[in-house]
Amino acid sequence: MPWKGAAQFKDLMMNAHKCPVVIVLARDKGSGRVSIDANGDPVLNYPLAAHDRRSLIDGLERSLRVLEAAGVEKVLTMHQQLEMCDLDEARAGDDAAEVPAVRRRRRLDEYVATVREAGVDPSYRMPLFSAHQMGSCRMGTAASNSVVNEEGEVWEVRNLYVADASTFPSPSGANPMITTLAISHSIAQHIKRNLRERAGQLKAAL
């Protein structure tokens, strides 16, 4: 939640049980790199690609419109510089004859415009986070284009296996739970078989 002071944050938290929360998931198309600094610590650099900025802001608008259609009283994004929008608030100059539903949508349109103007800024003003990381140790049929083989064993280190979503060839664009379980189960069967075979070979050698 955006932080604008202790009292504001306490008020948000005290009312959190009444708040529906929507997150925008984007299948990002940008890329980045992980390097090592002089102290040996990893340094992550993942600039937000233009396509991903547009995708996230489009998702924000659609989320706001879904919430308004569901009848919520107020909407709020994680932008630090934006205030909460009260869709039902009576304002000076409002047309008393205007249909409440029309007024709500007009007010939402105004808020959406401010959200689009603020954009998606990957800084402390607009927190972003990553979920369901996939494909960082991709599975493949050759060491030249993958980290692990089809059995989940790392090409460069014998008996080292990876059995999670990092073995995906690329991100799936959806929650990967079932696929991750299936891959993990399959790799576990390969490990069991390989252990039996190697145990047999060791026994024969002795």
N, C-alpha and C. Protein backbone atom coordinates (compact mmCIF):
# COMPACT_ATOMS: atom_id res chain seq x y z
N MET A 1 0.85 -1.19 0.00
CA MET A 1 0.00 0.00 0.00
C MET A 1 0.88 1.25 0.00
N PRO A 2 0.44 2.30 -0.64
CA PRO A 2 1.25 3.52 -0.66
C PRO A 2 1.38 4.13 0.72
N TRP A 3 2.55 4.67 1.03
CA TRP A 3 2.82 5.28 2.32
C TRP A 3 2.82 6.80 2.18
N LYS A 4 1.89 7.43 2.89
CA LYS A 4 1.85 8.89 2.91
C LYS A 4 1.91 9.43 4.34
N GLY A 5 2.19 8.55 5.26
CA GLY A 5 2.25 8.94 6.67
C GLY A 5 1.63 7.86 7.54
N ALA A 6 1.95 7.91 8.82
CA ALA A 6 1.50 6.86 9.74
C ALA A 6 -0.03 6.80 9.86
N ALA A 7 -0.68 7.95 9.97
CA ALA A 7 -2.14 7.97 10.15
C ALA A 7 -2.84 7.42 8.91
N GLN A 8 -2.37 7.85 7.73
CA GLN A 8 -2.97 7.37 6.48
C GLN A 8 -2.79 5.87 6.33
N PHE A 9 -1.59 5.38 6.65
CA PHE A 9 -1.32 3.96 6.50
C PHE A 9 -2.14 3.13 7.50
N LYS A 10 -2.28 3.65 8.72
CA LYS A 10 -3.08 2.95 9.72
C LYS A 10 -4.54 2.86 9.27
N ASP A 11 -5.04 3.94 8.69
CA ASP A 11 -6.43 3.94 8.22
C ASP A 11 -6.62 2.89 7.12
N LEU A 12 -5.65 2.81 6.21
CA LEU A 12 -5.73 1.79 5.15
C LEU A 12 -5.72 0.39 5.74
N MET A 13 -4.83 0.16 6.69
CA MET A 13 -4.70 -1.18 7.27
C MET A 13 -5.94 -1.56 8.07
N MET A 14 -6.53 -0.59 8.77
CA MET A 14 -7.72 -0.86 9.56
C MET A 14 -8.92 -1.21 8.68
N ASN A 15 -8.86 -0.77 7.42
CA ASN A 15 -9.97 -1.05 6.49
C ASN A 15 -9.62 -2.12 5.46
N ALA A 16 -8.46 -2.76 5.64
CA ALA A 16 -8.00 -3.74 4.65
C ALA A 16 -8.96 -4.91 4.51
N HIS A 17 -9.67 -5.25 5.59
CA HIS A 17 -10.60 -6.39 5.53
C HIS A 17 -11.80 -6.12 4.63
N LYS A 18 -11.99 -4.86 4.25
CA LYS A 18 -13.11 -4.51 3.38
C LYS A 18 -12.65 -4.27 1.94
N CYS A 19 -11.37 -4.52 1.67
CA CYS A 19 -10.80 -4.14 0.38
C CYS A 19 -10.58 -5.34 -0.53
N PRO A 20 -11.16 -5.34 -1.72
CA PRO A 20 -10.76 -6.34 -2.72
C PRO A 20 -9.44 -5.90 -3.34
N VAL A 21 -8.54 -6.82 -3.55
CA VAL A 21 -7.22 -6.49 -4.09
C VAL A 21 -7.05 -7.18 -5.45
N VAL A 22 -6.61 -6.41 -6.42
CA VAL A 22 -6.37 -6.93 -7.76
C VAL A 22 -4.91 -6.70 -8.10
N ILE A 23 -4.23 -7.72 -8.61
CA ILE A 23 -2.86 -7.53 -9.09
C ILE A 23 -2.84 -7.72 -10.60
N VAL A 24 -1.95 -7.01 -11.23
CA VAL A 24 -1.80 -7.09 -12.69
C VAL A 24 -0.58 -7.95 -12.99
N LEU A 25 -0.81 -9.06 -13.67
CA LEU A 25 0.28 -9.94 -14.07
C LEU A 25 0.60 -9.69 -15.54
N ALA A 26 1.86 -9.48 -15.83
CA ALA A 26 2.28 -9.24 -17.21
C ALA A 26 3.30 -10.28 -17.62
N ARG A 27 3.13 -10.82 -18.81
CA ARG A 27 4.15 -11.69 -19.37
C ARG A 27 5.18 -10.78 -20.02
N ASP A 28 6.22 -10.47 -19.28
CA ASP A 28 7.17 -9.46 -19.73
C ASP A 28 7.97 -9.94 -20.94
N LYS A 29 8.32 -8.97 -21.78
CA LYS A 29 9.11 -9.24 -22.98
C LYS A 29 10.49 -8.62 -22.88
N GLY A 30 10.73 -7.88 -21.84
CA GLY A 30 12.04 -7.27 -21.66
C GLY A 30 13.04 -8.28 -21.15
N SER A 31 14.26 -7.86 -20.98
CA SER A 31 15.31 -8.73 -20.47
C SER A 31 16.27 -7.93 -19.61
N GLY A 32 17.12 -8.64 -18.93
CA GLY A 32 18.10 -7.98 -18.08
C GLY A 32 19.29 -8.87 -17.88
N ARG A 33 20.08 -8.55 -16.89
CA ARG A 33 21.27 -9.35 -16.63
C ARG A 33 21.63 -9.31 -15.16
N VAL A 34 22.31 -10.34 -14.72
CA VAL A 34 22.84 -10.41 -13.36
C VAL A 34 24.36 -10.43 -13.48
N SER A 35 25.01 -9.48 -12.83
CA SER A 35 26.47 -9.43 -12.86
C SER A 35 27.00 -9.48 -11.43
N ILE A 36 28.28 -9.58 -11.29
CA ILE A 36 28.93 -9.66 -9.99
C ILE A 36 29.78 -8.41 -9.79
N ASP A 37 29.58 -7.73 -8.65
CA ASP A 37 30.35 -6.51 -8.41
C ASP A 37 31.72 -6.84 -7.80
N ALA A 38 32.46 -5.79 -7.46
CA ALA A 38 33.83 -5.97 -6.96
C ALA A 38 33.87 -6.74 -5.65
N ASN A 39 32.78 -6.72 -4.89
CA ASN A 39 32.72 -7.44 -3.62
C ASN A 39 32.22 -8.88 -3.78
N GLY A 40 31.93 -9.26 -5.02
CA GLY A 40 31.43 -10.61 -5.25
C GLY A 40 29.93 -10.75 -5.04
N ASP A 41 29.23 -9.63 -4.90
CA ASP A 41 27.79 -9.67 -4.70
C ASP A 41 27.06 -9.55 -6.03
N PRO A 42 25.90 -10.23 -6.16
CA PRO A 42 25.16 -10.14 -7.41
C PRO A 42 24.50 -8.77 -7.56
N VAL A 43 24.49 -8.27 -8.78
CA VAL A 43 23.86 -6.99 -9.11
C VAL A 43 22.83 -7.26 -10.21
N LEU A 44 21.56 -6.95 -9.92
CA LEU A 44 20.49 -7.19 -10.88
C LEU A 44 20.18 -5.91 -11.65
N ASN A 45 20.08 -6.01 -12.95
CA ASN A 45 19.72 -4.86 -13.78
C ASN A 45 18.68 -5.31 -14.79
N TYR A 46 17.43 -5.01 -14.49
CA TYR A 46 16.32 -5.39 -15.37
C TYR A 46 15.48 -4.16 -15.69
N PRO A 47 15.91 -3.35 -16.66
CA PRO A 47 15.10 -2.18 -17.04
C PRO A 47 13.76 -2.61 -17.61
N LEU A 48 12.73 -1.83 -17.33
CA LEU A 48 11.39 -2.17 -17.78
C LEU A 48 11.22 -1.78 -19.25
N ALA A 49 10.92 -2.76 -20.07
CA ALA A 49 10.76 -2.52 -21.51
C ALA A 49 9.49 -1.71 -21.79
N ALA A 50 9.48 -1.01 -22.91
CA ALA A 50 8.34 -0.17 -23.27
C ALA A 50 7.07 -1.00 -23.38
N HIS A 51 7.15 -2.19 -23.99
CA HIS A 51 5.98 -3.06 -24.11
C HIS A 51 5.44 -3.42 -22.74
N ASP A 52 6.33 -3.71 -21.80
CA ASP A 52 5.90 -4.11 -20.46
C ASP A 52 5.26 -2.96 -19.71
N ARG A 53 5.78 -1.75 -19.91
CA ARG A 53 5.15 -0.57 -19.31
C ARG A 53 3.71 -0.42 -19.80
N ARG A 54 3.53 -0.54 -21.12
CA ARG A 54 2.19 -0.40 -21.69
C ARG A 54 1.28 -1.52 -21.20
N SER A 55 1.80 -2.73 -21.14
CA SER A 55 1.00 -3.87 -20.70
C SER A 55 0.52 -3.69 -19.26
N LEU A 56 1.41 -3.24 -18.39
CA LEU A 56 1.06 -3.06 -16.99
C LEU A 56 0.04 -1.94 -16.80
N ILE A 57 0.23 -0.84 -17.52
CA ILE A 57 -0.70 0.28 -17.35
C ILE A 57 -2.06 -0.06 -17.94
N ASP A 58 -2.10 -0.83 -19.04
CA ASP A 58 -3.37 -1.30 -19.59
C ASP A 58 -4.07 -2.21 -18.58
N GLY A 59 -3.29 -3.08 -17.94
CA GLY A 59 -3.86 -3.96 -16.92
C GLY A 59 -4.40 -3.19 -15.74
N LEU A 60 -3.71 -2.12 -15.35
CA LEU A 60 -4.19 -1.28 -14.26
C LEU A 60 -5.54 -0.66 -14.60
N GLU A 61 -5.64 -0.13 -15.83
CA GLU A 61 -6.92 0.49 -16.22
C GLU A 61 -8.05 -0.53 -16.20
N ARG A 62 -7.81 -1.70 -16.76
CA ARG A 62 -8.86 -2.72 -16.79
C ARG A 62 -9.25 -3.16 -15.37
N SER A 63 -8.27 -3.25 -14.49
CA SER A 63 -8.56 -3.62 -13.11
C SER A 63 -9.44 -2.58 -12.43
N LEU A 64 -9.12 -1.31 -12.65
CA LEU A 64 -9.92 -0.23 -12.07
C LEU A 64 -11.35 -0.27 -12.59
N ARG A 65 -11.50 -0.54 -13.87
CA ARG A 65 -12.85 -0.57 -14.46
C ARG A 65 -13.65 -1.78 -13.96
N VAL A 66 -12.98 -2.89 -13.75
CA VAL A 66 -13.66 -4.06 -13.18
C VAL A 66 -14.15 -3.75 -11.76
N LEU A 67 -13.31 -3.09 -10.98
CA LEU A 67 -13.69 -2.76 -9.61
C LEU A 67 -14.86 -1.78 -9.58
N GLU A 68 -14.83 -0.78 -10.47
CA GLU A 68 -15.94 0.17 -10.52
C GLU A 68 -17.23 -0.53 -10.90
N ALA A 69 -17.16 -1.42 -11.88
CA ALA A 69 -18.35 -2.15 -12.32
C ALA A 69 -18.89 -3.05 -11.21
N ALA A 70 -18.00 -3.50 -10.33
CA ALA A 70 -18.41 -4.35 -9.20
C ALA A 70 -19.05 -3.54 -8.09
N GLY A 71 -18.96 -2.20 -8.17
CA GLY A 71 -19.64 -1.36 -7.20
C GLY A 71 -18.80 -0.85 -6.05
N VAL A 72 -17.47 -0.93 -6.15
CA VAL A 72 -16.65 -0.44 -5.04
C VAL A 72 -16.84 1.06 -4.86
N GLU A 73 -16.62 1.51 -3.63
CA GLU A 73 -16.79 2.94 -3.33
C GLU A 73 -15.55 3.75 -3.69
N LYS A 74 -14.36 3.14 -3.49
CA LYS A 74 -13.11 3.87 -3.72
C LYS A 74 -12.13 2.96 -4.43
N VAL A 75 -11.22 3.58 -5.18
CA VAL A 75 -10.16 2.83 -5.84
C VAL A 75 -8.81 3.48 -5.53
N LEU A 76 -7.79 2.65 -5.54
CA LEU A 76 -6.45 3.12 -5.17
C LEU A 76 -5.42 2.25 -5.88
N THR A 77 -4.38 2.85 -6.41
CA THR A 77 -3.27 2.09 -6.98
C THR A 77 -2.08 2.20 -6.04
N MET A 78 -0.96 1.59 -6.41
CA MET A 78 0.22 1.64 -5.56
C MET A 78 1.10 2.85 -5.89
N HIS A 79 0.62 3.76 -6.73
CA HIS A 79 1.37 4.98 -7.01
C HIS A 79 1.50 5.82 -5.73
N GLN A 80 2.71 6.16 -5.38
CA GLN A 80 2.91 6.97 -4.18
C GLN A 80 2.38 8.40 -4.36
N GLN A 81 2.39 8.89 -5.61
CA GLN A 81 2.03 10.30 -5.83
C GLN A 81 0.54 10.51 -6.07
N LEU A 82 -0.25 9.43 -6.13
CA LEU A 82 -1.68 9.57 -6.40
C LEU A 82 -2.50 9.34 -5.13
N GLU A 83 -3.61 10.04 -5.05
CA GLU A 83 -4.51 9.90 -3.92
C GLU A 83 -5.57 8.84 -4.24
N MET A 84 -6.25 8.39 -3.20
CA MET A 84 -7.37 7.48 -3.39
C MET A 84 -8.51 8.23 -4.08
N CYS A 85 -9.23 7.53 -4.95
CA CYS A 85 -10.34 8.15 -5.66
C CYS A 85 -11.65 7.64 -5.08
N ASP A 86 -12.45 8.54 -4.55
CA ASP A 86 -13.77 8.22 -4.02
C ASP A 86 -14.78 8.38 -5.15
N LEU A 87 -15.28 7.27 -5.67
CA LEU A 87 -16.17 7.31 -6.82
C LEU A 87 -17.54 7.89 -6.49
N ASP A 88 -17.94 7.83 -5.22
CA ASP A 88 -19.27 8.29 -4.82
C ASP A 88 -19.24 9.65 -4.12
N GLU A 89 -18.07 10.25 -4.05
CA GLU A 89 -17.93 11.51 -3.32
C GLU A 89 -18.72 12.63 -3.99
N ALA A 90 -19.44 13.41 -3.18
CA ALA A 90 -20.16 14.58 -3.69
C ALA A 90 -19.19 15.75 -3.78
N ARG A 91 -19.12 16.38 -4.94
CA ARG A 91 -18.19 17.49 -5.14
C ARG A 91 -18.95 18.74 -5.53
N ALA A 92 -18.35 19.87 -5.20
CA ALA A 92 -18.94 21.14 -5.61
C ALA A 92 -18.96 21.22 -7.13
N GLY A 93 -20.07 21.64 -7.67
CA GLY A 93 -20.19 21.76 -9.12
C GLY A 93 -20.76 20.53 -9.79
N ASP A 94 -21.01 19.47 -9.01
CA ASP A 94 -21.62 18.28 -9.59
C ASP A 94 -23.04 18.58 -10.04
N ASP A 95 -23.41 18.00 -11.14
CA ASP A 95 -24.77 18.14 -11.66
C ASP A 95 -25.69 17.25 -10.83
N ALA A 96 -26.61 17.89 -10.09
CA ALA A 96 -27.49 17.13 -9.20
C ALA A 96 -28.37 16.16 -9.97
N ALA A 97 -28.64 16.47 -11.25
CA ALA A 97 -29.51 15.61 -12.05
C ALA A 97 -28.76 14.46 -12.72
N GLU A 98 -27.44 14.47 -12.58
CA GLU A 98 -26.65 13.43 -13.25
C GLU A 98 -26.89 12.07 -12.59
N VAL A 99 -27.08 11.08 -13.40
CA VAL A 99 -27.30 9.72 -12.89
C VAL A 99 -26.04 9.28 -12.13
N PRO A 100 -26.20 8.74 -10.90
CA PRO A 100 -25.03 8.33 -10.10
C PRO A 100 -24.08 7.41 -10.85
N ALA A 101 -24.60 6.47 -11.62
CA ALA A 101 -23.74 5.54 -12.34
C ALA A 101 -22.90 6.27 -13.38
N VAL A 102 -23.50 7.27 -14.02
CA VAL A 102 -22.77 8.07 -15.01
C VAL A 102 -21.68 8.87 -14.33
N ARG A 103 -22.03 9.45 -13.16
CA ARG A 103 -21.06 10.25 -12.42
C ARG A 103 -19.87 9.39 -11.97
N ARG A 104 -20.16 8.17 -11.51
CA ARG A 104 -19.10 7.26 -11.09
C ARG A 104 -18.14 6.95 -12.24
N ARG A 105 -18.70 6.67 -13.41
CA ARG A 105 -17.84 6.33 -14.55
C ARG A 105 -17.02 7.54 -15.01
N ARG A 106 -17.65 8.72 -14.95
CA ARG A 106 -16.90 9.93 -15.32
C ARG A 106 -15.75 10.16 -14.36
N ARG A 107 -16.03 9.97 -13.07
CA ARG A 107 -14.99 10.14 -12.06
C ARG A 107 -13.88 9.12 -12.25
N LEU A 108 -14.27 7.87 -12.61
CA LEU A 108 -13.26 6.85 -12.85
C LEU A 108 -12.42 7.20 -14.07
N ASP A 109 -13.06 7.70 -15.13
CA ASP A 109 -12.32 8.11 -16.33
C ASP A 109 -11.26 9.15 -15.97
N GLU A 110 -11.62 10.09 -15.10
CA GLU A 110 -10.68 11.12 -14.68
C GLU A 110 -9.50 10.49 -13.93
N TYR A 111 -9.81 9.52 -13.07
CA TYR A 111 -8.76 8.87 -12.28
C TYR A 111 -7.86 8.04 -13.18
N VAL A 112 -8.47 7.31 -14.12
CA VAL A 112 -7.69 6.50 -15.06
C VAL A 112 -6.71 7.38 -15.83
N ALA A 113 -7.15 8.57 -16.20
CA ALA A 113 -6.28 9.50 -16.93
C ALA A 113 -5.07 9.88 -16.08
N THR A 114 -5.28 10.10 -14.78
CA THR A 114 -4.15 10.44 -13.91
C THR A 114 -3.21 9.25 -13.73
N VAL A 115 -3.78 8.05 -13.67
CA VAL A 115 -2.97 6.85 -13.54
C VAL A 115 -2.12 6.65 -14.79
N ARG A 116 -2.72 6.85 -15.96
CA ARG A 116 -1.97 6.70 -17.20
C ARG A 116 -0.87 7.76 -17.31
N GLU A 117 -1.17 8.96 -16.85
CA GLU A 117 -0.16 10.02 -16.88
C GLU A 117 1.00 9.69 -15.95
N ALA A 118 0.69 9.11 -14.80
CA ALA A 118 1.75 8.74 -13.85
C ALA A 118 2.60 7.60 -14.42
N GLY A 119 1.96 6.72 -15.19
CA GLY A 119 2.68 5.63 -15.81
C GLY A 119 3.15 4.58 -14.81
N VAL A 120 3.97 3.68 -15.29
CA VAL A 120 4.56 2.65 -14.45
C VAL A 120 6.03 2.98 -14.28
N ASP A 121 6.39 3.40 -13.10
CA ASP A 121 7.74 3.85 -12.82
C ASP A 121 8.40 2.86 -11.86
N PRO A 122 9.37 2.06 -12.31
CA PRO A 122 9.98 1.06 -11.43
C PRO A 122 10.94 1.71 -10.43
N SER A 123 10.37 2.44 -9.50
CA SER A 123 11.16 3.10 -8.46
C SER A 123 10.37 3.00 -7.17
N TYR A 124 10.82 3.71 -6.16
CA TYR A 124 10.11 3.66 -4.90
C TYR A 124 8.74 4.33 -4.99
N ARG A 125 8.48 5.07 -6.09
CA ARG A 125 7.17 5.69 -6.25
C ARG A 125 6.13 4.73 -6.80
N MET A 126 6.58 3.63 -7.40
CA MET A 126 5.66 2.67 -8.00
C MET A 126 6.25 1.27 -7.82
N PRO A 127 5.96 0.63 -6.70
CA PRO A 127 6.58 -0.69 -6.45
C PRO A 127 6.14 -1.73 -7.47
N LEU A 128 7.10 -2.49 -7.94
CA LEU A 128 6.84 -3.63 -8.82
C LEU A 128 7.47 -4.85 -8.19
N PHE A 129 6.93 -6.00 -8.48
CA PHE A 129 7.54 -7.22 -7.95
C PHE A 129 7.40 -8.33 -8.98
N SER A 130 8.23 -9.32 -8.82
CA SER A 130 8.23 -10.45 -9.73
C SER A 130 7.66 -11.67 -9.04
N ALA A 131 6.90 -12.46 -9.78
CA ALA A 131 6.31 -13.68 -9.22
C ALA A 131 6.46 -14.80 -10.24
N HIS A 132 6.54 -16.02 -9.73
CA HIS A 132 6.62 -17.20 -10.59
C HIS A 132 7.77 -17.08 -11.59
N GLN A 133 8.98 -16.86 -11.07
CA GLN A 133 10.14 -16.77 -11.95
C GLN A 133 10.32 -18.11 -12.67
N MET A 134 10.53 -18.02 -13.97
CA MET A 134 10.63 -19.23 -14.79
C MET A 134 11.73 -19.08 -15.82
N GLY A 135 12.32 -20.22 -16.19
CA GLY A 135 13.21 -20.25 -17.33
C GLY A 135 14.65 -19.84 -17.09
N SER A 136 15.07 -19.63 -15.83
CA SER A 136 16.44 -19.18 -15.58
C SER A 136 17.45 -20.32 -15.69
N CYS A 137 17.00 -21.57 -15.60
CA CYS A 137 17.87 -22.75 -15.80
C CYS A 137 17.19 -23.68 -16.80
N ARG A 138 16.97 -23.16 -17.98
CA ARG A 138 16.11 -23.84 -18.94
C ARG A 138 16.57 -25.25 -19.27
N MET A 139 15.59 -26.09 -19.56
CA MET A 139 15.83 -27.48 -19.96
C MET A 139 15.97 -27.55 -21.47
N GLY A 140 16.88 -28.40 -21.94
CA GLY A 140 17.05 -28.54 -23.37
C GLY A 140 17.81 -29.81 -23.73
N THR A 141 18.12 -29.93 -25.00
CA THR A 141 18.78 -31.14 -25.48
C THR A 141 20.26 -30.95 -25.75
N ALA A 142 20.77 -29.73 -25.51
CA ALA A 142 22.19 -29.47 -25.75
C ALA A 142 22.70 -28.44 -24.74
N ALA A 143 23.96 -28.61 -24.35
CA ALA A 143 24.55 -27.69 -23.38
C ALA A 143 24.72 -26.29 -23.95
N SER A 144 24.70 -26.18 -25.28
CA SER A 144 24.90 -24.88 -25.92
C SER A 144 23.71 -23.94 -25.77
N ASN A 145 22.52 -24.50 -25.50
CA ASN A 145 21.34 -23.63 -25.41
C ASN A 145 20.49 -23.91 -24.18
N SER A 146 21.04 -24.59 -23.18
CA SER A 146 20.26 -24.89 -21.98
C SER A 146 21.19 -25.15 -20.80
N VAL A 147 20.61 -25.21 -19.61
CA VAL A 147 21.39 -25.43 -18.39
C VAL A 147 21.31 -26.88 -17.94
N VAL A 148 20.11 -27.48 -18.10
CA VAL A 148 19.92 -28.87 -17.69
C VAL A 148 19.43 -29.69 -18.87
N ASN A 149 19.68 -31.00 -18.81
CA ASN A 149 19.19 -31.88 -19.87
C ASN A 149 17.74 -32.27 -19.60
N GLU A 150 17.19 -33.16 -20.43
CA GLU A 150 15.78 -33.50 -20.30
C GLU A 150 15.47 -34.28 -19.03
N GLU A 151 16.50 -34.71 -18.31
CA GLU A 151 16.30 -35.40 -17.03
C GLU A 151 16.48 -34.46 -15.85
N GLY A 152 16.77 -33.18 -16.12
CA GLY A 152 16.94 -32.19 -15.06
C GLY A 152 18.35 -32.11 -14.51
N GLU A 153 19.29 -32.86 -15.09
CA GLU A 153 20.66 -32.85 -14.60
C GLU A 153 21.45 -31.72 -15.27
N VAL A 154 22.19 -30.98 -14.47
CA VAL A 154 22.99 -29.87 -15.00
C VAL A 154 24.07 -30.43 -15.92
N TRP A 155 24.18 -29.84 -17.11
CA TRP A 155 25.15 -30.34 -18.10
C TRP A 155 26.57 -30.35 -17.54
N GLU A 156 26.92 -29.34 -16.78
CA GLU A 156 28.31 -29.15 -16.38
C GLU A 156 28.67 -29.84 -15.06
N VAL A 157 27.66 -30.31 -14.30
CA VAL A 157 27.93 -30.90 -12.99
C VAL A 157 27.15 -32.20 -12.86
N ARG A 158 27.84 -33.30 -12.85
CA ARG A 158 27.20 -34.60 -12.73
C ARG A 158 26.51 -34.73 -11.37
N ASN A 159 25.32 -35.31 -11.37
CA ASN A 159 24.52 -35.56 -10.15
C ASN A 159 23.94 -34.29 -9.52
N LEU A 160 24.01 -33.16 -10.22
CA LEU A 160 23.36 -31.94 -9.74
C LEU A 160 22.09 -31.74 -10.56
N TYR A 161 20.95 -31.74 -9.89
CA TYR A 161 19.66 -31.65 -10.57
C TYR A 161 18.93 -30.37 -10.19
N VAL A 162 18.14 -29.88 -11.12
CA VAL A 162 17.24 -28.75 -10.88
C VAL A 162 15.83 -29.24 -11.20
N ALA A 163 14.90 -29.01 -10.29
CA ALA A 163 13.55 -29.57 -10.48
C ALA A 163 12.48 -28.56 -10.05
N ASP A 164 12.46 -27.41 -10.70
CA ASP A 164 11.44 -26.42 -10.38
C ASP A 164 11.12 -25.61 -11.64
N ALA A 165 10.44 -24.47 -11.47
CA ALA A 165 9.99 -23.69 -12.64
C ALA A 165 11.14 -23.07 -13.42
N SER A 166 12.34 -23.05 -12.86
CA SER A 166 13.46 -22.48 -13.60
C SER A 166 13.85 -23.35 -14.80
N THR A 167 13.38 -24.61 -14.83
CA THR A 167 13.69 -25.48 -15.97
C THR A 167 12.79 -25.22 -17.18
N PHE A 168 11.78 -24.38 -17.05
CA PHE A 168 10.91 -24.07 -18.19
C PHE A 168 11.75 -23.53 -19.34
N PRO A 169 11.45 -23.90 -20.58
CA PRO A 169 12.15 -23.31 -21.73
C PRO A 169 11.95 -21.80 -21.82
N SER A 170 10.76 -21.34 -21.40
CA SER A 170 10.45 -19.91 -21.36
C SER A 170 9.27 -19.73 -20.40
N PRO A 171 9.03 -18.51 -19.91
CA PRO A 171 7.88 -18.30 -19.02
C PRO A 171 6.57 -18.67 -19.69
N SER A 172 5.66 -19.25 -18.92
CA SER A 172 4.41 -19.76 -19.47
C SER A 172 3.33 -18.70 -19.61
N GLY A 173 3.46 -17.59 -18.91
CA GLY A 173 2.44 -16.55 -18.99
C GLY A 173 1.23 -16.84 -18.13
N ALA A 174 1.28 -17.88 -17.33
CA ALA A 174 0.18 -18.23 -16.42
C ALA A 174 0.77 -18.89 -15.18
N ASN A 175 -0.06 -19.00 -14.14
CA ASN A 175 0.40 -19.63 -12.91
C ASN A 175 0.92 -21.03 -13.23
N PRO A 176 2.20 -21.33 -12.89
CA PRO A 176 2.83 -22.57 -13.37
C PRO A 176 2.78 -23.74 -12.40
N MET A 177 1.88 -23.71 -11.41
CA MET A 177 1.93 -24.70 -10.34
C MET A 177 1.85 -26.13 -10.85
N ILE A 178 0.84 -26.45 -11.66
CA ILE A 178 0.64 -27.83 -12.11
C ILE A 178 1.82 -28.28 -12.97
N THR A 179 2.29 -27.40 -13.86
CA THR A 179 3.42 -27.75 -14.71
C THR A 179 4.68 -27.97 -13.88
N THR A 180 4.88 -27.13 -12.87
CA THR A 180 6.05 -27.29 -11.99
C THR A 180 5.99 -28.62 -11.26
N LEU A 181 4.82 -28.98 -10.76
CA LEU A 181 4.67 -30.27 -10.07
C LEU A 181 4.96 -31.43 -11.02
N ALA A 182 4.46 -31.33 -12.26
CA ALA A 182 4.67 -32.40 -13.22
C ALA A 182 6.16 -32.55 -13.57
N ILE A 183 6.84 -31.43 -13.80
CA ILE A 183 8.27 -31.47 -14.12
C ILE A 183 9.06 -32.03 -12.94
N SER A 184 8.73 -31.58 -11.73
CA SER A 184 9.43 -32.06 -10.55
C SER A 184 9.25 -33.57 -10.36
N HIS A 185 8.02 -34.03 -10.58
CA HIS A 185 7.74 -35.46 -10.46
C HIS A 185 8.53 -36.25 -11.51
N SER A 186 8.55 -35.76 -12.74
CA SER A 186 9.27 -36.45 -13.81
C SER A 186 10.76 -36.52 -13.50
N ILE A 187 11.34 -35.40 -13.07
CA ILE A 187 12.78 -35.38 -12.76
C ILE A 187 13.08 -36.30 -11.58
N ALA A 188 12.18 -36.36 -10.61
CA ALA A 188 12.38 -37.26 -9.47
C ALA A 188 12.45 -38.71 -9.93
N GLN A 189 11.64 -39.06 -10.92
CA GLN A 189 11.68 -40.43 -11.43
C GLN A 189 13.01 -40.71 -12.13
N HIS A 190 13.52 -39.73 -12.86
CA HIS A 190 14.83 -39.88 -13.50
C HIS A 190 15.93 -40.07 -12.45
N ILE A 191 15.86 -39.28 -11.37
CA ILE A 191 16.87 -39.38 -10.31
C ILE A 191 16.83 -40.78 -9.69
N LYS A 192 15.63 -41.28 -9.39
CA LYS A 192 15.49 -42.62 -8.81
C LYS A 192 16.08 -43.68 -9.74
N ARG A 193 15.76 -43.57 -11.03
CA ARG A 193 16.26 -44.56 -11.98
C ARG A 193 17.78 -44.49 -12.10
N ASN A 194 18.31 -43.26 -12.17
CA ASN A 194 19.76 -43.09 -12.30
C ASN A 194 20.49 -43.60 -11.06
N LEU A 195 19.91 -43.37 -9.88
CA LEU A 195 20.53 -43.86 -8.65
C LEU A 195 20.56 -45.39 -8.64
N ARG A 196 19.48 -46.00 -9.10
CA ARG A 196 19.44 -47.47 -9.14
C ARG A 196 20.51 -48.01 -10.11
N GLU A 197 20.59 -47.36 -11.29
CA GLU A 197 21.54 -47.81 -12.29
C GLU A 197 22.98 -47.64 -11.80
N ARG A 198 23.27 -46.51 -11.19
CA ARG A 198 24.63 -46.25 -10.73
C ARG A 198 24.99 -47.14 -9.54
N ALA A 199 23.99 -47.42 -8.69
CA ALA A 199 24.22 -48.33 -7.57
C ALA A 199 24.55 -49.73 -8.11
N GLY A 200 23.83 -50.13 -9.17
CA GLY A 200 24.09 -51.43 -9.78
C GLY A 200 25.46 -51.50 -10.40
N GLN A 201 25.88 -50.39 -11.06
CA GLN A 201 27.19 -50.36 -11.67
C GLN A 201 28.29 -50.42 -10.62
N LEU A 202 28.08 -49.71 -9.49
CA LEU A 202 29.06 -49.72 -8.41
C LEU A 202 29.17 -51.11 -7.78
N LYS A 203 28.02 -51.76 -7.61
CA LYS A 203 28.01 -53.10 -7.03
C LYS A 203 28.73 -54.09 -7.95
N ALA A 204 28.49 -53.96 -9.25
CA ALA A 204 29.16 -54.85 -10.20
C ALA A 204 30.65 -54.63 -10.22
N ALA A 205 31.06 -53.37 -10.07
CA ALA A 205 32.48 -53.05 -10.08
C ALA A 205 33.20 -53.60 -8.86
N LEU A 206 32.47 -53.68 -7.73
CA LEU A 206 33.08 -54.19 -6.51
C LEU A 206 33.12 -55.71 -6.53
